[in-house]
Protein backbone atom coordinates (compact mmCIF):
# COMPACT_ATOMS: atom_id res chain seq x y z
CA MET A 1 -0.67 -19.06 19.46
CA SER A 2 -1.87 -20.03 16.25
CA ALA A 3 -3.66 -17.11 15.24
CA GLY A 4 -2.56 -13.70 16.21
CA PRO A 5 -0.19 -10.56 15.26
CA ARG A 6 1.68 -10.48 12.28
CA LEU A 7 4.18 -7.82 13.88
CA VAL A 8 5.20 -7.82 17.69
CA ILE A 9 7.06 -4.50 18.18
CA VAL A 10 8.51 -5.15 21.91
CA LEU A 11 9.94 -1.55 23.41
CA SER A 12 12.57 -1.76 26.69
CA GLY A 13 14.35 1.04 27.54
CA LYS A 14 15.15 2.47 31.10
CA ARG A 15 12.83 4.96 33.30
CA LYS A 16 12.06 8.38 31.33
CA SER A 17 13.89 7.21 28.27
CA GLY A 18 10.68 7.78 26.23
CA LYS A 19 8.72 4.27 25.54
CA ASP A 20 5.80 5.56 25.81
CA TYR A 21 6.43 8.36 23.79
CA LEU A 22 7.54 5.83 21.34
CA SER A 23 4.62 4.09 21.42
CA ASP A 24 2.57 6.87 20.88
CA GLN A 25 4.34 8.28 17.72
CA LEU A 26 4.02 4.89 16.22
CA VAL A 27 0.40 4.68 16.93
CA SER A 28 0.03 8.32 15.62
CA ARG A 29 1.84 7.76 12.75
CA LEU A 30 -0.22 4.33 11.58
CA GLU A 31 -3.51 6.36 12.02
CA GLN A 32 -2.31 8.95 9.36
CA HIS A 33 -1.39 6.17 7.23
CA ALA A 34 -4.98 4.64 7.64
CA SER A 35 -6.69 8.27 7.78
CA SER A 36 -5.02 8.99 3.69
CA ALA A 37 -6.32 5.15 2.74
CA THR A 38 -9.45 4.99 0.92
CA ALA A 39 -13.10 4.14 2.41
CA GLN A 40 -13.10 0.76 1.68
CA ASP A 41 -9.18 0.40 3.32
CA LYS A 42 -9.88 2.09 6.20
CA ALA A 43 -13.36 -0.08 6.85
CA ALA A 44 -11.37 -3.04 5.94
CA ALA A 45 -8.04 -1.88 8.77
CA THR A 46 -9.46 0.50 11.03
CA LEU A 47 -6.51 1.25 13.56
CA THR A 48 -7.24 2.06 17.17
CA SER A 49 -5.22 1.19 20.18
CA THR A 50 -8.47 1.18 22.44
CA GLY A 51 -11.18 0.02 20.48
CA THR A 52 -13.13 -3.11 20.20
CA PRO A 53 -10.73 -6.01 19.36
CA SER A 54 -12.42 -7.32 16.31
CA ALA A 55 -12.23 -3.64 14.78
CA GLY A 56 -8.45 -3.15 14.98
CA LEU A 57 -5.03 -3.13 13.55
CA VAL A 58 -2.51 -2.07 16.09
CA ARG A 59 -2.83 -2.62 20.05
CA VAL A 60 -0.63 -1.63 22.52
CA VAL A 61 0.22 -3.79 25.23
CA ARG A 62 1.57 -2.77 28.44
CA LEU A 63 2.46 -5.47 30.21
CA SER A 64 2.68 -3.53 33.61
CA GLY A 65 -1.51 -3.11 32.82
CA PRO A 66 -2.37 -6.43 34.82
CA LEU A 67 0.53 -5.92 37.24
CA LYS A 68 -0.91 -2.54 38.49
CA GLU A 69 -4.68 -3.55 38.10
CA GLN A 70 -3.84 -6.50 40.66
CA TYR A 71 -1.60 -4.62 42.71
CA ALA A 72 -4.38 -2.08 43.21
CA LYS A 73 -7.07 -4.37 44.10
CA GLU A 74 -4.63 -5.65 46.45
CA HIS A 75 -3.97 -2.78 48.13
CA ASN A 76 -6.71 -0.48 47.64
CA LEU A 77 -5.12 1.60 45.80
CA ASP A 78 -6.12 4.09 42.41
CA PHE A 79 -6.01 2.02 39.78
CA GLN A 80 -5.93 4.44 37.41
CA GLU A 81 -3.35 7.00 39.89
CA LEU A 82 -0.98 3.90 38.99
CA LEU A 83 -1.16 3.74 35.32
CA ALA A 84 -0.15 7.92 35.19
CA ALA A 85 3.17 8.90 35.11
CA SER A 86 2.44 10.60 38.73
CA GLN A 87 4.06 11.10 41.95
CA TYR A 88 1.17 8.86 42.95
CA LYS A 89 2.88 5.92 41.10
CA GLU A 90 6.64 6.84 42.27
CA THR A 91 5.62 6.32 45.73
CA TYR A 92 4.48 2.83 44.91
CA ARG A 93 6.68 1.62 42.75
CA ALA A 94 9.28 0.11 45.12
CA ASP A 95 7.13 -1.91 46.33
CA MET A 96 4.83 -2.66 43.60
CA ILE A 97 8.00 -4.30 41.93
CA LYS A 98 8.51 -6.50 45.20
CA TRP A 99 5.22 -7.82 44.72
CA GLY A 100 5.05 -8.21 41.25
CA GLU A 101 8.86 -9.90 41.56
CA ALA A 102 7.01 -12.55 43.74
CA LYS A 103 3.89 -13.03 41.48
CA ARG A 104 6.20 -13.72 38.54
CA ASN A 105 8.91 -16.06 40.03
CA ALA A 106 5.52 -18.22 40.61
CA ASP A 107 5.02 -17.99 37.10
CA PRO A 108 7.32 -16.25 35.07
CA SER A 109 5.28 -15.52 31.80
CA PHE A 110 1.84 -14.96 33.89
CA PHE A 111 1.90 -10.83 33.11
CA CYS A 112 2.97 -11.15 29.45
CA ARG A 113 -0.35 -13.93 29.35
CA THR A 114 -2.64 -11.41 30.61
CA ALA A 115 -1.75 -8.13 29.45
CA THR A 116 -2.25 -10.02 25.46
CA ALA A 117 -5.28 -12.04 26.64
CA GLY A 118 -8.42 -10.89 24.06
CA ALA A 119 -5.66 -9.12 21.31
CA ASP A 120 -5.22 -12.13 19.00
CA THR A 121 -7.36 -10.04 16.33
CA PHE A 122 -4.83 -7.11 16.20
CA GLN A 123 -2.38 -7.41 13.42
CA ILE A 124 0.31 -5.46 15.17
CA TRP A 125 0.90 -5.49 18.63
CA ILE A 126 3.22 -2.93 20.42
CA VAL A 127 4.64 -3.68 23.73
CA SER A 128 5.29 -0.70 25.31
CA ASP A 129 7.20 -2.06 28.34
CA ALA A 130 9.13 -5.32 28.17
CA ARG A 131 11.50 -5.20 31.20
CA ARG A 132 12.63 -8.74 31.85
CA ALA A 133 14.61 -11.72 30.12
CA SER A 134 11.34 -13.46 30.70
CA ASP A 135 9.09 -10.70 28.72
CA LEU A 136 11.57 -10.86 25.55
CA ASP A 137 11.90 -14.59 25.82
CA TYR A 138 7.95 -15.21 25.85
CA PHE A 139 7.65 -12.90 22.81
CA ARG A 140 10.83 -14.55 20.44
CA THR A 141 9.42 -17.74 21.68
CA ALA A 142 5.81 -17.04 21.04
CA PHE A 143 6.46 -15.22 17.47
CA GLY A 144 9.40 -16.19 16.00
CA SER A 145 10.58 -13.85 13.41
CA ARG A 146 7.43 -11.86 13.66
CA CYS A 147 9.19 -10.44 16.94
CA PHE A 148 10.70 -7.73 16.72
CA ALA A 149 12.93 -6.03 19.46
CA VAL A 150 13.56 -2.44 20.13
CA ARG A 151 15.72 -0.91 22.69
CA VAL A 152 14.78 3.01 23.33
CA VAL A 153 17.83 5.08 25.13
CA ALA A 154 18.27 8.51 26.64
CA SER A 155 21.32 10.39 28.16
CA ASP A 156 21.28 10.33 32.07
CA ALA A 157 21.06 14.43 31.05
CA ALA A 158 17.91 13.58 29.07
CA ARG A 159 16.01 11.62 31.34
CA GLU A 160 16.55 13.99 34.30
CA SER A 161 15.21 16.90 32.68
CA ARG A 162 12.00 14.53 32.10
CA GLY A 163 11.79 14.33 36.05
CA TYR A 164 14.18 10.94 36.85
CA VAL A 165 16.32 11.18 39.50
CA PHE A 166 18.01 8.09 40.73
CA THR A 167 16.02 5.62 43.28
CA ALA A 168 17.80 2.73 45.24
CA GLY A 169 15.50 -0.39 45.19
CA VAL A 170 13.86 1.00 41.68
CA ASP A 171 16.56 1.93 39.35
CA ASP A 172 19.02 -0.72 40.53
CA ALA A 173 15.98 -3.60 40.30
CA GLU A 174 15.74 -6.14 38.18
CA SER A 175 13.29 -4.10 36.25
CA GLU A 176 14.96 -1.66 35.24
CA CYS A 177 18.63 -3.52 34.83
CA GLY A 178 17.04 -7.17 33.75
CA LEU A 179 17.47 -6.39 30.16
CA ASP A 180 20.62 -4.11 29.99
CA GLY A 181 22.72 -7.26 28.58
CA ALA A 182 19.72 -7.98 25.85
CA ALA A 183 20.18 -8.35 22.27
CA PHE A 184 17.78 -6.03 20.63
CA ASP A 185 16.71 -6.02 16.86
CA LEU A 186 16.88 -1.90 16.71
CA VAL A 187 18.41 0.70 19.30
CA VAL A 188 16.39 3.99 19.11
CA ARG A 189 17.58 7.27 20.52
CA ASN A 190 15.93 9.86 22.38
CA ASP A 191 18.12 12.54 23.78
CA GLY A 192 15.86 15.34 22.15
CA GLU A 193 17.53 15.51 18.77
CA GLN A 194 14.42 14.92 16.53
CA GLY A 195 16.03 13.47 13.06
CA THR A 196 17.55 10.85 15.66
CA LEU A 197 14.05 9.59 16.82
CA GLN A 198 12.54 10.46 13.24
CA ALA A 199 14.36 7.70 11.67
CA GLY A 200 14.00 5.06 14.29
CA ILE A 201 10.37 5.43 14.22
CA ASP A 202 10.25 5.84 10.22
CA ALA A 203 11.99 2.65 10.00
CA LEU A 204 9.18 0.73 12.49
CA VAL A 205 6.78 2.02 10.53
CA LYS A 206 7.37 1.06 7.55
CA MET A 207 7.90 -2.14 9.22
CA ALA A 208 4.38 -2.56 10.42
CA LEU A 209 2.97 -1.15 6.95
CA ASP A 210 4.76 -3.94 5.08
CA ALA A 211 3.86 -6.29 7.93
CA CYS A 212 0.08 -5.60 6.95
CA SER A 213 0.40 -5.14 3.47
CA MET A 214 -0.39 -1.44 3.14
CA ASN A 215 2.11 1.21 1.20
CA ALA A 216 3.77 3.80 3.17
């Protein structure tokens, strides 16, 4: 991957730890910086997580997206519902994990490659859901020092307040435990203490802006 992002922020964490929330906050903050830039700067560096690749600066990469899409096709399910934080997704989660493991065992980097296809023109990638050592290894090998691994942690009480209930076959599977012993570049606590969370967000925003030569 010669062309590609200047910075790859890889987020990892348990269910209901707040990975998607942190990802959304990063995109929101970067959009605020873009909106305060000059018209010329904005034309050169439009920030979007869903727009045309050639026009974007930041791309949210969801590794579970390709997995859920293919699983939905093969099982005649609603793909959009599988993407949402819903009971519909929870109903199929355990079986989807087993199905995904079989695919991944055959080709460990399959979902990483598929999720990032066509994203090379974005300067910042935020990988919102790394779950396994093979996920982290893929991005560290491909991008070296441009890869920054972040662990999002939250207490059981905080996770339970967000709807977490331990589920055998899910919370004790590799998809939840595969990165428990991994080394991370930054740990961000998301227990509900806004100051602690904001400190982590601030550090990541500064890193992203510096990588793209934008002033915070």
